[in-house]
Each structure stands twice: as C-alpha cells, then as structure tokens.
Amino acid sequence: MSHVSSSGNCLIAFAGAVNGYKKPMCAAQLFGAREVIHESIEVDSDAGFQAIYTSQIAQTRTMLDEPDFVSALAEVRATTVREAVEYELEYG
C-alpha cells in the first residue's frame, strides 16, 4: 500500500473521530477528500478499511439530511488531489 493510499485510509479514521464530536459536515468532507485521493491513484482501500468506511459513511448519513451530506461530499470531491491533501492536513 502506498503512502498516498495510507493517507486516504487515515481519513476514514479521522472522519470517524469527527463523527464522535458530532461534526458530520466535516466528516463528510473528509470522506470526500479520501475519495479524491483514492481515485487519483486508482486504488480502493483494503477490505478491512472498506468495512470501516462503509460503517462510518452510514453513521455520518444518519446525522445529516441527504442534501447536506451530498453537498459536503461534493464540495471536496470537486477539488484537486493537492487541495484534498491540504484539507486533510488542515482538518485531519
């Protein structure tokens, strides 16, 4: 697994922690950053991280209405990989 992939997987953990602080908009944006990073290197997370990712996404969705979730995710997904990494460093 590359460092970039590991960074993307760390975002799953960061988003889970942010969910614990009841900040689902930030969590959704971290998920968006993770997706940007993983798509840029054309790698999916390993099976263990995928299960956690799916669980954390579901938890975030329960705290937001669908339009807010989609908007937060799309906001970061519309960025470049560099911007996604910068977001991770600032908020992760």
Protein backbone atom coordinates (compact mmCIF):
# COMPACT_ATOMS: atom_id res chain seq x y z
CA MET A 1 0.00 0.00 0.00
CA SER A 2 1.39 3.42 -0.93
CA HIS A 3 1.76 6.38 1.40
CA VAL A 4 -0.98 8.16 -0.52
CA SER A 5 -3.31 5.20 -0.06
CA SER A 6 -2.43 5.07 3.64
CA SER A 7 -3.20 8.76 3.90
CA GLY A 8 -6.59 8.18 2.34
CA ASN A 9 -7.26 5.34 4.76
CA CYS A 10 -6.30 7.58 7.69
CA LEU A 11 -9.06 9.93 6.60
CA ILE A 12 -11.55 7.19 7.40
CA ALA A 13 -10.31 7.18 11.00
CA PHE A 14 -10.26 10.98 11.17
CA ALA A 15 -13.83 11.15 9.88
CA GLY A 16 -14.90 8.60 12.48
CA ALA A 17 -13.33 10.71 15.22
CA VAL A 18 -15.04 13.82 13.86
CA ASN A 19 -18.35 11.95 13.93
CA GLY A 20 -17.70 11.35 17.61
CA TYR A 21 -17.55 15.11 18.09
CA LYS A 22 -20.89 15.44 16.26
CA LYS A 23 -19.41 17.29 13.26
CA PRO A 24 -20.89 15.32 10.37
CA MET A 25 -20.32 18.04 7.74
CA CYS A 26 -16.58 17.89 8.44
CA ALA A 27 -16.69 14.08 8.41
CA ALA A 28 -18.42 14.07 5.02
CA GLN A 29 -15.77 16.44 3.67
CA LEU A 30 -13.02 14.16 4.98
CA PHE A 31 -14.71 11.24 3.19
CA GLY A 32 -14.74 13.35 0.03
CA ALA A 33 -11.01 14.03 0.40
CA ARG A 34 -10.39 10.31 0.87
CA GLU A 35 -12.29 9.54 -2.32
CA VAL A 36 -10.32 12.14 -4.29
CA ILE A 37 -7.04 10.65 -3.09
CA HIS A 38 -8.02 7.04 -3.77
CA GLU A 39 -9.43 7.82 -7.20
CA SER A 40 -6.26 9.70 -8.16
CA ILE A 41 -4.14 6.60 -7.58
CA GLU A 42 -6.85 4.21 -8.76
CA VAL A 43 -6.72 2.16 -5.57
CA ASP A 44 -9.51 1.06 -3.28
CA SER A 45 -8.94 0.65 0.41
CA ASP A 46 -8.30 -2.85 1.64
CA ALA A 47 -11.24 -4.95 2.80
CA GLY A 48 -10.77 -4.07 6.49
CA PHE A 49 -10.80 -0.35 5.80
CA GLN A 50 -13.70 -0.70 3.36
CA ALA A 51 -15.90 -2.17 6.10
CA ILE A 52 -14.98 0.67 8.45
CA TYR A 53 -15.51 3.21 5.67
CA THR A 54 -18.97 1.86 4.92
CA SER A 55 -19.89 1.94 8.61
CA GLN A 56 -18.59 5.48 9.12
CA ILE A 57 -20.36 6.78 6.00
CA ALA A 58 -23.61 5.28 7.31
CA GLN A 59 -23.09 6.93 10.70
CA THR A 60 -22.42 10.30 9.06
CA ARG A 61 -25.54 9.99 6.90
CA THR A 62 -27.69 9.46 9.98
CA MET A 63 -26.53 12.82 11.33
CA LEU A 64 -27.17 14.82 8.14
CA ASP A 65 -30.05 15.14 5.77
CA GLU A 66 -29.24 13.80 2.29
CA PRO A 67 -28.79 17.19 0.52
CA ASP A 68 -26.29 18.35 3.18
CA PHE A 69 -24.37 15.07 3.00
CA VAL A 70 -24.18 15.16 -0.79
CA SER A 71 -23.17 18.83 -0.76
CA ALA A 72 -20.38 18.32 1.80
CA LEU A 73 -19.02 15.29 -0.03
CA ALA A 74 -19.19 17.01 -3.42
CA GLU A 75 -17.50 20.16 -2.14
CA VAL A 76 -14.23 18.35 -1.53
CA ARG A 77 -14.62 15.86 -4.40
CA ALA A 78 -14.57 18.83 -6.77
CA THR A 79 -11.03 19.69 -5.65
CA THR A 80 -7.66 18.55 -6.89
CA VAL A 81 -5.66 15.91 -5.07
CA ARG A 82 -3.37 18.64 -3.74
CA GLU A 83 -6.35 20.56 -2.34
CA ALA A 84 -7.75 17.37 -0.82
CA VAL A 85 -4.43 16.67 0.90
CA GLU A 86 -4.25 20.27 2.11
CA TYR A 87 -7.77 19.85 3.51
CA GLU A 88 -6.63 16.68 5.28
CA LEU A 89 -3.64 18.48 6.80
CA GLU A 90 -5.76 21.39 7.95
CA TYR A 91 -8.70 19.46 9.37
CA GLY A 92 -7.47 15.87 9.71
